[in-house]
Amino acid sequence: MLETIRKGVLKKGVVTDRYPYVPYMPYDGHLGMPMVDEAKCTSDKVCEQVCPTTAIRFAPGQLSIDLGLCIFCGECARRCPHQAIIMSKEFELASKRREGLVRFYVVQQ
């Protein structure tokens, strides 16, 4: 065991990424924040109905996604008939207040 440590860890040194100075690139299947193409959205509310955590809500002329509730499952993007929602690679979603996690989009009615 000591030989493994000596040849492995001690020889290589500390191996870490240079994050945040060098941006992390997520892998191909990574599901980040859902993004809405406002021009494609027709407010048919399919995404709101299939969201398991009710993170997606419609109001007159507006769609909101609460990233504090979202589990990033991608079901909204898969089920949208107009492909108005995509799962981006964006994963840095920190906010100092709860309200900062809600994203608003202007949509057609």
N, C-alpha and C. Protein backbone atom coordinates (compact mmCIF):
# COMPACT_ATOMS: atom_id res chain seq x y z
N MET A 1 0.83 -1.19 0.00
CA MET A 1 0.00 0.00 0.00
C MET A 1 0.87 1.25 0.00
N LEU A 2 1.90 1.26 0.83
CA LEU A 2 2.79 2.41 0.89
C LEU A 2 3.49 2.61 -0.45
N GLU A 3 3.81 1.51 -1.12
CA GLU A 3 4.46 1.59 -2.43
C GLU A 3 3.52 2.24 -3.45
N THR A 4 2.25 1.91 -3.39
CA THR A 4 1.25 2.50 -4.29
C THR A 4 1.15 4.00 -4.08
N ILE A 5 1.13 4.40 -2.85
CA ILE A 5 1.06 5.83 -2.53
C ILE A 5 2.32 6.54 -3.01
N ARG A 6 3.47 5.94 -2.77
CA ARG A 6 4.74 6.55 -3.15
C ARG A 6 4.85 6.71 -4.67
N LYS A 7 4.43 5.70 -5.43
CA LYS A 7 4.54 5.77 -6.89
C LYS A 7 3.40 6.55 -7.53
N GLY A 8 2.26 6.57 -6.88
CA GLY A 8 1.10 7.24 -7.46
C GLY A 8 0.96 8.68 -7.03
N VAL A 9 0.46 8.89 -5.83
CA VAL A 9 0.14 10.22 -5.34
C VAL A 9 1.38 11.08 -5.18
N LEU A 10 2.39 10.57 -4.56
CA LEU A 10 3.57 11.38 -4.28
C LEU A 10 4.33 11.74 -5.55
N LYS A 11 4.33 10.88 -6.54
CA LYS A 11 5.04 11.16 -7.77
C LYS A 11 4.31 12.22 -8.60
N LYS A 12 3.00 12.12 -8.66
CA LYS A 12 2.21 13.05 -9.46
C LYS A 12 2.02 14.38 -8.76
N GLY A 13 1.98 14.39 -7.46
CA GLY A 13 1.66 15.61 -6.74
C GLY A 13 0.16 15.82 -6.68
N VAL A 14 -0.24 17.00 -6.36
CA VAL A 14 -1.66 17.32 -6.28
C VAL A 14 -2.19 17.51 -7.69
N VAL A 15 -3.23 16.76 -8.02
CA VAL A 15 -3.82 16.83 -9.35
C VAL A 15 -5.23 17.40 -9.21
N THR A 16 -5.38 18.66 -9.56
CA THR A 16 -6.69 19.31 -9.52
C THR A 16 -6.85 20.16 -10.76
N ASP A 17 -8.08 20.56 -11.01
CA ASP A 17 -8.33 21.46 -12.13
C ASP A 17 -8.00 22.88 -11.71
N ARG A 18 -7.83 23.75 -12.67
CA ARG A 18 -7.52 25.15 -12.42
C ARG A 18 -8.80 25.99 -12.29
N TYR A 19 -9.92 25.34 -11.99
CA TYR A 19 -11.20 26.03 -11.85
C TYR A 19 -11.11 27.00 -10.67
N PRO A 20 -11.58 28.18 -10.74
CA PRO A 20 -12.41 28.84 -11.75
C PRO A 20 -11.61 29.60 -12.81
N TYR A 21 -10.30 29.54 -12.76
CA TYR A 21 -9.48 30.26 -13.74
C TYR A 21 -9.56 29.64 -15.13
N VAL A 22 -9.68 28.33 -15.18
CA VAL A 22 -9.90 27.62 -16.43
C VAL A 22 -11.30 27.04 -16.34
N PRO A 23 -12.21 27.44 -17.23
CA PRO A 23 -13.61 26.99 -17.11
C PRO A 23 -13.75 25.47 -17.27
N TYR A 24 -14.65 24.91 -16.48
CA TYR A 24 -14.95 23.49 -16.54
C TYR A 24 -15.85 23.25 -17.75
N MET A 25 -15.53 22.26 -18.54
CA MET A 25 -16.33 21.91 -19.71
C MET A 25 -17.11 20.63 -19.38
N PRO A 26 -18.44 20.72 -19.24
CA PRO A 26 -19.24 19.54 -18.92
C PRO A 26 -19.19 18.51 -20.05
N TYR A 27 -19.44 17.27 -19.72
CA TYR A 27 -19.46 16.19 -20.70
C TYR A 27 -20.69 16.32 -21.60
N ASP A 28 -20.72 15.56 -22.67
CA ASP A 28 -21.77 15.70 -23.69
C ASP A 28 -23.19 15.46 -23.17
N GLY A 29 -23.39 14.52 -22.28
CA GLY A 29 -24.74 14.21 -21.78
C GLY A 29 -25.18 15.08 -20.61
N HIS A 30 -24.40 16.08 -20.25
CA HIS A 30 -24.70 16.93 -19.08
C HIS A 30 -25.98 17.72 -19.30
N LEU A 31 -26.87 17.70 -18.33
CA LEU A 31 -28.10 18.49 -18.39
C LEU A 31 -27.96 19.65 -17.43
N GLY A 32 -27.77 20.82 -17.98
CA GLY A 32 -27.66 22.02 -17.16
C GLY A 32 -29.00 22.73 -17.07
N MET A 33 -28.94 24.05 -16.99
CA MET A 33 -30.14 24.86 -16.83
C MET A 33 -31.02 24.81 -18.08
N PRO A 34 -32.34 24.66 -17.91
CA PRO A 34 -33.23 24.73 -19.06
C PRO A 34 -33.30 26.16 -19.60
N MET A 35 -33.21 26.28 -20.91
CA MET A 35 -33.28 27.59 -21.57
C MET A 35 -34.48 27.57 -22.52
N VAL A 36 -35.19 28.68 -22.57
CA VAL A 36 -36.40 28.78 -23.39
C VAL A 36 -36.15 29.72 -24.57
N ASP A 37 -36.47 29.24 -25.77
CA ASP A 37 -36.44 30.09 -26.96
C ASP A 37 -37.80 30.75 -27.04
N GLU A 38 -37.85 32.01 -26.66
CA GLU A 38 -39.13 32.73 -26.56
C GLU A 38 -39.87 32.81 -27.89
N ALA A 39 -39.14 32.81 -29.00
CA ALA A 39 -39.78 32.89 -30.32
C ALA A 39 -40.50 31.60 -30.69
N LYS A 40 -40.04 30.47 -30.18
CA LYS A 40 -40.66 29.17 -30.50
C LYS A 40 -41.79 28.79 -29.56
N CYS A 41 -41.80 29.34 -28.36
CA CYS A 41 -42.79 28.96 -27.34
C CYS A 41 -44.18 29.46 -27.73
N THR A 42 -45.16 28.57 -27.71
CA THR A 42 -46.53 28.92 -28.05
C THR A 42 -47.47 28.87 -26.84
N SER A 43 -46.93 28.73 -25.66
CA SER A 43 -47.72 28.69 -24.42
C SER A 43 -48.74 27.57 -24.39
N ASP A 44 -48.41 26.41 -24.94
CA ASP A 44 -49.36 25.30 -24.90
C ASP A 44 -49.30 24.55 -23.56
N LYS A 45 -48.38 24.91 -22.71
CA LYS A 45 -48.28 24.45 -21.32
C LYS A 45 -47.98 22.97 -21.14
N VAL A 46 -47.47 22.31 -22.17
CA VAL A 46 -47.08 20.91 -22.03
C VAL A 46 -45.94 20.78 -21.02
N CYS A 47 -44.97 21.68 -21.09
CA CYS A 47 -43.83 21.62 -20.18
C CYS A 47 -44.27 21.80 -18.73
N GLU A 48 -45.24 22.66 -18.50
CA GLU A 48 -45.75 22.87 -17.14
C GLU A 48 -46.42 21.60 -16.61
N GLN A 49 -47.13 20.89 -17.49
CA GLN A 49 -47.84 19.69 -17.09
C GLN A 49 -46.92 18.51 -16.80
N VAL A 50 -45.80 18.41 -17.52
CA VAL A 50 -44.90 17.26 -17.35
C VAL A 50 -43.82 17.49 -16.31
N CYS A 51 -43.65 18.72 -15.84
CA CYS A 51 -42.61 19.01 -14.84
C CYS A 51 -42.95 18.32 -13.52
N PRO A 52 -42.08 17.41 -13.04
CA PRO A 52 -42.40 16.66 -11.83
C PRO A 52 -42.35 17.49 -10.55
N THR A 53 -41.70 18.64 -10.58
CA THR A 53 -41.57 19.46 -9.37
C THR A 53 -42.32 20.77 -9.46
N THR A 54 -43.12 20.98 -10.48
CA THR A 54 -43.85 22.22 -10.75
C THR A 54 -42.92 23.44 -10.75
N ALA A 55 -41.73 23.28 -11.30
CA ALA A 55 -40.78 24.38 -11.40
C ALA A 55 -41.14 25.34 -12.52
N ILE A 56 -41.95 24.88 -13.47
CA ILE A 56 -42.34 25.70 -14.62
C ILE A 56 -43.76 26.20 -14.40
N ARG A 57 -43.92 27.51 -14.55
CA ARG A 57 -45.25 28.11 -14.35
C ARG A 57 -45.52 29.11 -15.46
N PHE A 58 -46.75 29.16 -15.89
CA PHE A 58 -47.18 30.13 -16.89
C PHE A 58 -48.03 31.19 -16.23
N ALA A 59 -47.82 32.43 -16.63
CA ALA A 59 -48.68 33.56 -16.30
C ALA A 59 -48.99 34.22 -17.64
N PRO A 60 -49.95 35.11 -17.71
CA PRO A 60 -50.26 35.74 -19.00
C PRO A 60 -49.03 36.38 -19.64
N GLY A 61 -48.61 35.84 -20.78
CA GLY A 61 -47.48 36.37 -21.53
C GLY A 61 -46.11 36.08 -20.93
N GLN A 62 -46.07 35.22 -19.94
CA GLN A 62 -44.80 34.98 -19.25
C GLN A 62 -44.66 33.53 -18.81
N LEU A 63 -43.45 33.03 -18.92
CA LEU A 63 -43.10 31.68 -18.46
C LEU A 63 -41.99 31.85 -17.43
N SER A 64 -42.11 31.17 -16.30
CA SER A 64 -41.04 31.24 -15.30
C SER A 64 -40.57 29.83 -14.96
N ILE A 65 -39.26 29.72 -14.76
CA ILE A 65 -38.66 28.46 -14.34
C ILE A 65 -37.93 28.71 -13.04
N ASP A 66 -38.35 28.03 -11.99
CA ASP A 66 -37.73 28.15 -10.67
C ASP A 66 -36.61 27.12 -10.57
N LEU A 67 -35.38 27.56 -10.68
CA LEU A 67 -34.23 26.66 -10.66
C LEU A 67 -33.98 26.08 -9.27
N GLY A 68 -34.59 26.66 -8.26
CA GLY A 68 -34.51 26.09 -6.92
C GLY A 68 -35.36 24.83 -6.79
N LEU A 69 -36.39 24.72 -7.60
CA LEU A 69 -37.25 23.53 -7.61
C LEU A 69 -36.85 22.53 -8.68
N CYS A 70 -36.26 23.02 -9.77
CA CYS A 70 -35.92 22.18 -10.92
C CYS A 70 -34.91 21.10 -10.53
N ILE A 71 -35.15 19.88 -10.98
CA ILE A 71 -34.20 18.78 -10.73
C ILE A 71 -33.40 18.45 -11.99
N PHE A 72 -33.53 19.29 -13.03
CA PHE A 72 -32.73 19.18 -14.26
C PHE A 72 -32.89 17.80 -14.90
N CYS A 73 -34.11 17.31 -14.93
CA CYS A 73 -34.38 16.00 -15.51
C CYS A 73 -34.48 16.05 -17.03
N GLY A 74 -34.81 17.22 -17.59
CA GLY A 74 -34.91 17.38 -19.03
C GLY A 74 -36.23 16.95 -19.63
N GLU A 75 -37.19 16.60 -18.80
CA GLU A 75 -38.49 16.15 -19.30
C GLU A 75 -39.20 17.26 -20.07
N CYS A 76 -39.07 18.50 -19.62
CA CYS A 76 -39.70 19.63 -20.31
C CYS A 76 -39.14 19.78 -21.73
N ALA A 77 -37.85 19.62 -21.88
CA ALA A 77 -37.22 19.74 -23.20
C ALA A 77 -37.61 18.58 -24.11
N ARG A 78 -37.69 17.38 -23.55
CA ARG A 78 -38.07 16.21 -24.35
C ARG A 78 -39.51 16.28 -24.84
N ARG A 79 -40.39 16.81 -24.02
CA ARG A 79 -41.83 16.77 -24.33
C ARG A 79 -42.35 18.01 -25.03
N CYS A 80 -41.56 19.07 -25.13
CA CYS A 80 -42.02 20.29 -25.79
C CYS A 80 -42.22 20.02 -27.28
N PRO A 81 -43.44 20.16 -27.80
CA PRO A 81 -43.70 19.84 -29.21
C PRO A 81 -43.04 20.82 -30.18
N HIS A 82 -42.66 21.99 -29.72
CA HIS A 82 -42.06 23.00 -30.59
C HIS A 82 -40.56 23.14 -30.37
N GLN A 83 -40.00 22.30 -29.53
CA GLN A 83 -38.57 22.33 -29.18
C GLN A 83 -38.14 23.72 -28.73
N ALA A 84 -38.99 24.36 -27.93
CA ALA A 84 -38.70 25.69 -27.43
C ALA A 84 -37.80 25.66 -26.20
N ILE A 85 -37.67 24.51 -25.57
CA ILE A 85 -36.82 24.38 -24.38
C ILE A 85 -35.66 23.45 -24.71
N ILE A 86 -34.46 23.89 -24.34
CA ILE A 86 -33.28 23.03 -24.47
C ILE A 86 -32.60 23.00 -23.11
N MET A 87 -31.87 21.93 -22.86
CA MET A 87 -31.09 21.83 -21.63
C MET A 87 -29.68 22.31 -21.96
N SER A 88 -29.32 23.46 -21.42
CA SER A 88 -28.02 24.04 -21.71
C SER A 88 -26.93 23.33 -20.91
N LYS A 89 -25.72 23.74 -21.10
CA LYS A 89 -24.59 23.21 -20.33
C LYS A 89 -24.30 24.09 -19.11
N GLU A 90 -25.08 25.16 -18.93
CA GLU A 90 -24.83 26.10 -17.83
C GLU A 90 -25.16 25.44 -16.49
N PHE A 91 -24.20 25.45 -15.59
CA PHE A 91 -24.40 24.81 -14.30
C PHE A 91 -24.08 25.72 -13.12
N GLU A 92 -23.49 26.85 -13.35
CA GLU A 92 -23.16 27.78 -12.27
C GLU A 92 -24.37 28.67 -12.01
N LEU A 93 -25.19 28.29 -11.06
CA LEU A 93 -26.48 28.94 -10.85
C LEU A 93 -26.60 29.57 -9.47
N ALA A 94 -25.50 29.84 -8.82
CA ALA A 94 -25.54 30.35 -7.45
C ALA A 94 -26.23 31.71 -7.37
N SER A 95 -26.93 31.92 -6.27
CA SER A 95 -27.61 33.19 -6.03
C SER A 95 -27.62 33.45 -4.53
N LYS A 96 -27.55 34.70 -4.16
CA LYS A 96 -27.56 35.04 -2.74
C LYS A 96 -28.97 35.01 -2.15
N ARG A 97 -29.97 35.15 -3.03
CA ARG A 97 -31.36 35.12 -2.56
C ARG A 97 -32.16 34.12 -3.37
N ARG A 98 -33.19 33.59 -2.79
CA ARG A 98 -34.06 32.59 -3.42
C ARG A 98 -34.68 33.12 -4.72
N GLU A 99 -35.03 34.39 -4.73
CA GLU A 99 -35.66 35.00 -5.90
C GLU A 99 -34.71 35.03 -7.10
N GLY A 100 -33.42 34.99 -6.85
CA GLY A 100 -32.45 35.01 -7.93
C GLY A 100 -32.39 33.71 -8.73
N LEU A 101 -33.05 32.67 -8.24
CA LEU A 101 -33.06 31.39 -8.93
C LEU A 101 -34.23 31.24 -9.91
N VAL A 102 -35.07 32.24 -9.99
CA VAL A 102 -36.23 32.18 -10.89
C VAL A 102 -35.90 32.93 -12.18
N ARG A 103 -36.06 32.25 -13.31
CA ARG A 103 -35.81 32.85 -14.62
C ARG A 103 -37.15 33.11 -15.30
N PHE A 104 -37.30 34.31 -15.86
CA PHE A 104 -38.54 34.71 -16.51
C PHE A 104 -38.31 34.85 -18.01
N TYR A 105 -39.30 34.42 -18.80
CA TYR A 105 -39.26 34.52 -20.25
C TYR A 105 -40.58 35.10 -20.73
N VAL A 106 -40.53 35.98 -21.73
CA VAL A 106 -41.72 36.55 -22.35
C VAL A 106 -42.10 35.62 -23.49
N VAL A 107 -43.35 35.13 -23.49
CA VAL A 107 -43.79 34.18 -24.51
C VAL A 107 -45.07 34.64 -25.17
N GLN A 108 -45.37 34.02 -26.32
CA GLN A 108 -46.59 34.33 -27.06
C GLN A 108 -47.79 33.71 -26.36
N GLN A 109 -48.94 34.27 -26.62
CA GLN A 109 -50.17 33.68 -26.07
C GLN A 109 -51.06 33.18 -27.16
